[in-house]
Amino acid sequence: MNTVVRILVMLAASAAAVWFINRSAGNTTPTETGPRLVASTQRSMGAEARLTAWTADEKAARSAFDDAFRELERLESLMSTWRAGSDLVRLNEAAGKQPVPVSQEVFDALRAARDFGDTTSGAFDVTFAALADVWKFDHDQDNKVPSAADIQQRLPLVGYKGLVLEASARTAYLPRAGMRAHLGGIGKGFAVDRMASLLRERGLTTFMIQFGGDMYMAGMPEARPWRVGIQDPRGEGNKSFATVELIDSAVSTSGDYERFFLKDGVRYHHIIDTRTGQPARGSRSVTIVADTSITADALSTGVFVMGPAEGMALIERLPNVEGVIVSDRNEVLVSSGLKGRLTILSPPTDASP
């Protein structure tokens, strides 16, 4: 008789669930020498990072995990806007004064962020942080709607095209005092790609990295793809409304249900449209599938801000990028490359706001 084992890997704050189904015949309990799931977690950048490998060498996997977590800690020390002396803190403190030297990692992340700003026609903007203390959705969330005057005062300080990067000197510069860069929309994806590269260098071929709403799946556990569940934006808990099977792919989801508050029947959330200074409207969630996590991470935010029609048009134009959008009217838009690969379990919960 065939035995079916379902292993579910989920993070409470995540925007998606990931699992694979083991349909091996007979006893599926791993032997001492056979492959098994090995997992480890660590908190960083305000989210929980979980590494999972399907391997017969648990000791080697855990050693690789330790190296990956050390790399994650190193990247956070460079990219954090909370740690004194980090590259981002120094960059923001020097806004309007002078360029500052930054690490190669931060330079590469800022350059990628600027490129994604161009790709999304400004919908993804690494300088959104000038609005961060007007709209408070981090540890300081106060559930207050800022005045139009407060927002208008900050908008001139937002604009990714103002970010000056000099490759030869490896410096970054924000030309106006009060400008602030923040890698919150791209930093986790950058870190996931770095960890994936490190795990491969250490000999792991079948693994998953889950870091908040960003994920990367490598290989096929038991010769089957990883199965990704897309969260129902208005469903209870971590209910998934759809699944897709993926191999060697990155996934990122941005949603208006992650950090938000309701006031007078309106949902205010943390994904800000820097063109208006208001929470982006038109979508409830955007899930991007791409070759790299940095691409999936940045585009899930950028497409969310663009809105369903413009965002899906961009997805269809970009190579090796697919997406699923749940609109604010609860419509599900699926890119052409995912049709036939996406399984709708049930329609998303229809609830407002």
Protein backbone atom coordinates (compact mmCIF):
# COMPACT_ATOMS: atom_id res chain seq x y z
CA MET A 1 0.00 0.00 0.00
CA ASN A 2 1.29 3.47 -0.86
CA THR A 3 1.83 5.80 2.06
CA VAL A 4 1.39 9.54 1.55
CA VAL A 5 3.32 11.92 3.78
CA ARG A 6 2.50 15.62 3.61
CA ILE A 7 5.13 17.93 5.02
CA LEU A 8 4.05 21.55 5.48
CA VAL A 9 6.55 24.33 6.00
CA MET A 10 4.97 27.64 6.98
CA LEU A 11 5.90 30.90 8.65
CA ALA A 12 3.33 32.86 10.62
CA ALA A 13 4.27 36.18 9.03
CA SER A 14 4.78 34.77 5.58
CA ALA A 15 2.71 35.60 2.55
CA ALA A 16 2.79 32.06 1.22
CA ALA A 17 3.04 28.45 2.32
CA VAL A 18 5.40 25.90 0.84
CA TRP A 19 5.30 22.15 1.00
CA PHE A 20 6.07 19.03 -0.96
CA ILE A 21 4.14 15.78 -1.09
CA ASN A 22 6.03 12.53 -0.61
CA ARG A 23 4.25 9.66 -2.39
CA SER A 24 6.89 6.99 -1.97
CA ALA A 25 5.60 3.46 -1.79
CA GLY A 26 5.73 1.63 1.51
CA ASN A 27 7.44 2.95 4.62
CA THR A 28 8.47 6.58 4.06
CA THR A 29 10.37 6.95 7.33
CA PRO A 30 13.90 8.04 6.33
CA THR A 31 16.68 5.60 7.06
CA GLU A 32 19.94 6.60 8.72
CA THR A 33 21.59 6.85 5.30
CA GLY A 34 18.64 8.00 3.21
CA PRO A 35 17.63 11.58 2.43
CA ARG A 36 15.51 13.48 4.91
CA LEU A 37 14.28 16.98 5.61
CA VAL A 38 16.73 19.09 7.62
CA ALA A 39 15.57 22.54 8.72
CA SER A 40 16.80 25.47 10.76
CA THR A 41 15.47 28.98 11.48
CA GLN A 42 16.88 32.34 12.49
CA ARG A 43 15.37 35.80 12.77
CA SER A 44 16.86 38.65 10.75
CA MET A 45 15.76 41.87 9.03
CA GLY A 46 12.53 41.80 11.01
CA ALA A 47 11.46 38.38 9.72
CA GLU A 48 12.12 34.70 10.30
CA ALA A 49 14.42 32.97 7.84
CA ARG A 50 13.92 29.22 7.46
CA LEU A 51 16.32 26.97 5.57
CA THR A 52 15.20 23.48 4.58
CA ALA A 53 17.21 20.84 2.71
CA TRP A 54 16.38 17.37 1.43
CA THR A 55 19.64 15.54 2.03
CA ALA A 56 21.27 12.39 3.39
CA ASP A 57 24.07 14.37 5.07
CA GLU A 58 22.44 16.24 7.94
CA LYS A 59 25.77 17.33 9.44
CA ALA A 60 26.94 18.94 6.21
CA ALA A 61 23.55 20.62 5.71
CA ARG A 62 23.55 22.14 9.18
CA SER A 63 27.10 23.39 8.67
CA ALA A 64 25.99 25.02 5.40
CA PHE A 65 22.96 26.53 7.16
CA ASP A 66 25.26 28.06 9.80
CA ASP A 67 27.33 29.68 7.06
CA ALA A 68 24.20 30.99 5.34
CA PHE A 69 22.88 32.51 8.56
CA ARG A 70 26.23 34.17 9.21
CA GLU A 71 26.05 35.68 5.74
CA LEU A 72 22.52 36.87 6.47
CA GLU A 73 23.69 38.53 9.67
CA ARG A 74 26.53 40.22 7.80
CA LEU A 75 24.16 41.57 5.15
CA GLU A 76 21.79 42.90 7.79
CA SER A 77 24.67 44.76 9.44
CA LEU A 78 25.28 46.51 6.10
CA MET A 79 21.69 47.10 4.97
CA SER A 80 19.85 47.87 8.21
CA THR A 81 18.38 51.32 8.75
CA TRP A 82 18.33 50.66 12.48
CA ARG A 83 21.95 49.72 13.18
CA ALA A 84 24.25 52.64 13.83
CA GLY A 85 27.09 52.79 11.34
CA SER A 86 25.47 50.59 8.68
CA ASP A 87 25.92 51.60 5.05
CA LEU A 88 22.28 52.67 4.79
CA VAL A 89 22.40 54.72 8.00
CA ARG A 90 25.54 56.50 6.83
CA LEU A 91 24.05 57.10 3.38
CA ASN A 92 20.89 58.62 4.84
CA GLU A 93 22.79 60.76 7.36
CA ALA A 94 24.91 62.18 4.52
CA ALA A 95 21.92 63.10 2.32
CA GLY A 96 22.47 66.53 0.79
CA LYS A 97 26.05 66.64 2.07
CA GLN A 98 28.41 64.26 0.32
CA PRO A 99 28.72 60.80 -1.27
CA VAL A 100 29.57 57.94 1.07
CA PRO A 101 31.59 54.78 0.35
CA VAL A 102 29.49 51.63 0.65
CA SER A 103 30.15 47.91 0.52
CA GLN A 104 29.95 46.09 -2.81
CA GLU A 105 26.80 44.32 -1.59
CA VAL A 106 24.95 47.54 -0.78
CA PHE A 107 26.16 49.17 -3.99
CA ASP A 108 24.85 46.20 -6.01
CA ALA A 109 21.50 46.25 -4.17
CA LEU A 110 21.09 50.02 -4.70
CA ARG A 111 21.98 49.69 -8.38
CA ALA A 112 19.45 46.87 -8.80
CA ALA A 113 16.83 48.95 -6.95
CA ARG A 114 17.40 51.87 -9.31
CA ASP A 115 17.10 49.53 -12.31
CA PHE A 116 13.81 48.13 -11.01
CA GLY A 117 12.62 51.70 -10.59
CA ASP A 118 13.17 52.14 -14.32
CA THR A 119 11.52 48.79 -15.10
CA THR A 120 8.38 49.71 -13.15
CA SER A 121 8.25 53.35 -14.32
CA GLY A 122 8.92 54.51 -10.78
CA ALA A 123 6.40 52.27 -9.03
CA PHE A 124 9.31 50.64 -7.20
CA ASP A 125 11.22 53.42 -5.46
CA VAL A 126 14.12 52.78 -3.08
CA THR A 127 13.74 56.30 -1.64
CA PHE A 128 10.25 55.67 -0.25
CA ALA A 129 11.70 55.91 3.28
CA ALA A 130 11.20 59.68 3.32
CA LEU A 131 7.54 58.79 4.00
CA ALA A 132 8.32 56.13 6.63
CA ASP A 133 7.82 58.37 9.64
CA VAL A 134 4.63 59.82 8.15
CA TRP A 135 3.02 56.42 7.57
CA LYS A 136 4.06 54.22 10.50
CA PHE A 137 3.74 50.49 9.82
CA ASP A 138 6.84 49.05 11.50
CA HIS A 139 7.33 48.53 15.23
CA ASP A 140 6.05 52.11 15.65
CA GLN A 141 2.66 51.51 13.97
CA ASP A 142 0.20 54.02 15.40
CA ASN A 143 -2.88 53.42 13.19
CA LYS A 144 -3.04 57.10 12.27
CA VAL A 145 -3.77 58.58 8.86
CA PRO A 146 -1.34 61.44 8.22
CA SER A 147 -2.60 64.78 6.98
CA ALA A 148 -2.40 65.66 3.30
CA ALA A 149 -0.07 68.50 4.24
CA ASP A 150 2.38 66.13 5.97
CA ILE A 151 2.43 63.87 2.93
CA GLN A 152 2.88 66.71 0.44
CA GLN A 153 5.77 68.06 2.47
CA ARG A 154 7.67 64.77 2.08
CA LEU A 155 6.95 63.96 -1.56
CA PRO A 156 9.72 66.24 -2.93
CA LEU A 157 12.18 64.08 -0.97
CA VAL A 158 11.14 60.93 -2.86
CA GLY A 159 12.60 60.04 -6.22
CA TYR A 160 14.85 57.09 -7.04
CA LYS A 161 16.35 58.87 -10.05
CA GLY A 162 18.05 61.26 -7.67
CA LEU A 163 20.16 58.44 -6.21
CA VAL A 164 23.70 58.90 -7.51
CA LEU A 165 25.91 55.80 -7.76
CA GLU A 166 29.57 56.03 -8.74
CA ALA A 167 30.96 52.61 -9.61
CA SER A 168 34.65 53.54 -9.78
CA ALA A 169 34.65 54.99 -6.26
CA ARG A 170 31.84 52.66 -5.08
CA THR A 171 29.93 55.52 -3.49
CA ALA A 172 26.28 56.39 -3.15
CA TYR A 173 24.75 59.84 -2.73
CA LEU A 174 21.30 61.25 -1.97
CA PRO A 175 21.37 64.84 -3.25
CA ARG A 176 18.68 66.43 -1.07
CA ALA A 177 18.77 66.71 2.71
CA GLY A 178 15.96 64.60 4.15
CA MET A 179 16.08 61.97 1.41
CA ARG A 180 16.31 58.41 2.71
CA ALA A 181 16.98 55.10 1.02
CA HIS A 182 15.57 51.84 2.34
CA LEU A 183 16.18 48.34 0.99
CA GLY A 184 13.01 46.90 2.53
CA GLY A 185 11.52 46.11 -0.88
CA ILE A 186 14.59 44.36 -2.24
CA GLY A 187 16.96 43.48 0.61
CA LYS A 188 15.40 40.16 1.55
CA GLY A 189 15.43 39.03 -2.07
CA PHE A 190 19.09 40.03 -2.35
CA ALA A 191 19.87 38.05 0.82
CA VAL A 192 17.96 34.97 -0.37
CA ASP A 193 19.97 34.90 -3.60
CA ARG A 194 23.22 35.16 -1.65
CA MET A 195 22.20 32.33 0.67
CA ALA A 196 21.11 30.15 -2.26
CA SER A 197 24.49 30.64 -3.93
CA LEU A 198 26.28 29.76 -0.71
CA LEU A 199 24.22 26.60 -0.14
CA ARG A 200 24.99 25.45 -3.68
CA GLU A 201 28.70 26.11 -3.12
CA ARG A 202 28.46 23.88 -0.04
CA GLY A 203 27.09 21.03 -2.13
CA LEU A 204 23.34 21.23 -1.43
CA THR A 205 21.19 20.69 -4.52
CA THR A 206 17.65 20.34 -3.11
CA PHE A 207 16.70 23.04 -0.65
CA MET A 208 14.26 25.80 0.15
CA ILE A 209 14.87 29.24 1.61
CA GLN A 210 11.88 31.02 3.10
CA PHE A 211 12.46 34.55 4.36
CA GLY A 212 9.27 36.38 5.17
CA GLY A 213 7.31 36.52 1.92
CA ASP A 214 10.37 35.69 -0.19
CA MET A 215 11.27 32.13 -1.15
CA TYR A 216 13.63 30.18 -3.33
CA MET A 217 13.21 26.49 -4.15
CA ALA A 218 16.09 24.46 -5.61
CA GLY A 219 15.94 20.96 -7.04
CA MET A 220 13.15 18.43 -6.55
CA PRO A 221 12.63 16.57 -3.26
CA GLU A 222 11.93 12.93 -4.11
CA ALA A 223 11.96 13.86 -7.80
CA ARG A 224 8.89 16.07 -7.36
CA PRO A 225 8.65 19.86 -7.60
CA TRP A 226 8.14 22.04 -4.58
CA ARG A 227 4.52 23.07 -4.27
CA VAL A 228 3.85 26.70 -3.37
CA GLY A 229 0.59 27.86 -1.88
CA ILE A 230 -0.55 31.44 -2.56
CA GLN A 231 -2.25 32.97 0.45
CA ASP A 232 -5.89 34.06 0.33
CA PRO A 233 -5.63 37.84 1.00
CA ARG A 234 -8.87 37.92 2.97
CA GLY A 235 -8.84 34.32 4.19
CA GLU A 236 -8.33 33.27 7.78
CA GLY A 237 -4.84 32.38 8.95
CA ASN A 238 -2.54 31.10 6.23
CA LYS A 239 -5.23 29.65 3.98
CA SER A 240 -4.06 29.21 0.38
CA PHE A 241 -6.43 29.77 -2.52
CA ALA A 242 -4.06 28.44 -5.21
CA THR A 243 -0.93 26.32 -5.64
CA VAL A 244 1.81 26.09 -8.23
CA GLU A 245 4.65 23.56 -8.56
CA LEU A 246 8.11 25.01 -9.09
CA ILE A 247 11.72 23.94 -9.61
CA ASP A 248 14.73 26.25 -9.24
CA SER A 249 12.49 29.28 -8.90
CA ALA A 250 12.00 32.28 -6.66
CA VAL A 251 8.63 33.46 -5.36
CA SER A 252 7.67 36.66 -3.59
CA THR A 253 4.28 37.90 -2.47
CA SER A 254 3.29 41.43 -1.49
CA GLY A 255 -0.10 41.95 0.11
CA ASP A 256 -2.22 44.59 1.80
CA TYR A 257 -2.90 42.16 4.67
CA GLU A 258 0.61 41.99 6.11
CA ARG A 259 0.88 45.35 7.91
CA PHE A 260 -2.27 47.43 7.92
CA PHE A 261 -5.04 49.06 9.91
CA LEU A 262 -8.69 49.83 9.21
CA LYS A 263 -10.18 53.28 9.74
CA ASP A 264 -13.64 54.47 8.73
CA GLY A 265 -14.07 51.46 6.46
CA VAL A 266 -10.77 52.01 4.61
CA ARG A 267 -7.75 49.70 4.67
CA TYR A 268 -4.43 51.50 5.07
CA HIS A 269 -1.37 49.32 4.48
CA HIS A 270 2.42 49.54 4.23
CA ILE A 271 2.87 49.40 0.46
CA ILE A 272 3.03 53.09 -0.39
CA ASP A 273 2.62 54.54 -3.87
CA THR A 274 5.39 57.13 -3.78
CA ARG A 275 3.75 59.00 -6.64
CA THR A 276 0.82 59.92 -4.38
CA GLY A 277 2.17 59.28 -0.89
CA GLN A 278 -0.84 57.05 -0.20
CA PRO A 279 -1.16 53.26 0.22
CA ALA A 280 -1.32 51.72 -3.25
CA ARG A 281 -4.79 50.81 -4.46
CA GLY A 282 -6.05 48.29 -6.99
CA SER A 283 -4.55 45.05 -5.66
CA ARG A 284 -4.93 42.85 -2.62
CA SER A 285 -1.91 40.68 -3.35
CA VAL A 286 0.74 40.18 -6.01
CA THR A 287 2.79 36.99 -6.32
CA ILE A 288 5.78 36.98 -8.65
CA VAL A 289 7.65 33.88 -9.87
CA ALA A 290 11.12 34.57 -11.30
CA ASP A 291 14.59 33.11 -11.71
CA THR A 292 16.04 35.18 -8.87
CA SER A 293 14.68 36.31 -5.53
CA ILE A 294 15.79 39.91 -5.99
CA THR A 295 13.66 40.09 -9.14
CA ALA A 296 10.64 38.49 -7.49
CA ASP A 297 10.99 40.70 -4.41
CA ALA A 298 11.24 44.02 -6.22
CA LEU A 299 8.59 43.22 -8.82
CA SER A 300 6.00 42.01 -6.29
CA THR A 301 6.15 45.49 -4.74
CA GLY A 302 6.41 47.37 -8.02
CA VAL A 303 3.55 45.50 -9.69
CA PHE A 304 1.38 45.96 -6.59
CA VAL A 305 1.87 49.72 -6.83
CA MET A 306 1.26 49.73 -10.60
CA GLY A 307 -2.12 48.03 -10.20
CA PRO A 308 -3.58 44.91 -11.86
CA ALA A 309 -3.87 45.98 -15.51
CA GLU A 310 -0.57 47.85 -15.86
CA GLY A 311 1.21 45.38 -13.59
CA MET A 312 0.11 42.30 -15.51
CA ALA A 313 1.07 43.98 -18.78
CA LEU A 314 4.58 44.45 -17.38
CA ILE A 315 4.78 40.83 -16.22
CA GLU A 316 3.86 39.63 -19.70
CA ARG A 317 6.59 41.79 -21.25
CA LEU A 318 9.41 40.59 -18.99
CA PRO A 319 11.31 37.38 -19.76
CA ASN A 320 11.31 34.59 -17.15
CA VAL A 321 8.77 36.43 -14.97
CA GLU A 322 5.27 35.17 -14.14
CA GLY A 323 2.67 36.42 -11.72
CA VAL A 324 -0.68 36.08 -9.99
CA ILE A 325 -2.61 39.19 -8.97
CA VAL A 326 -5.68 39.36 -6.75
CA SER A 327 -7.32 42.70 -7.47
CA ASP A 328 -9.25 44.87 -5.02
CA ARG A 329 -12.38 43.55 -6.76
CA ASN A 330 -11.26 40.01 -5.85
CA GLU A 331 -10.48 39.11 -9.45
CA VAL A 332 -7.61 36.67 -10.05
CA LEU A 333 -5.28 37.57 -12.91
CA VAL A 334 -2.81 34.88 -14.01
CA SER A 335 0.09 35.44 -16.41
CA SER A 336 0.15 33.35 -19.57
CA GLY A 337 3.17 31.32 -18.47
CA LEU A 338 1.42 30.07 -15.33
CA LYS A 339 -1.81 29.04 -16.98
CA GLY A 340 -2.00 25.27 -16.83
CA ARG A 341 0.56 25.25 -13.99
CA LEU A 342 -1.55 27.07 -11.40
CA THR A 343 -4.23 25.16 -9.49
CA ILE A 344 -7.06 27.23 -8.01
CA LEU A 345 -8.17 25.46 -4.82
CA SER A 346 -11.05 27.86 -4.19
CA PRO A 347 -11.86 31.45 -5.11
CA PRO A 348 -10.23 34.02 -2.80
CA THR A 349 -12.44 35.10 0.08
CA ASP A 350 -14.62 37.98 -1.05
CA ALA A 351 -14.57 40.43 1.82
CA SER A 352 -14.09 44.17 2.15
CA PRO A 353 -12.22 46.31 2.84
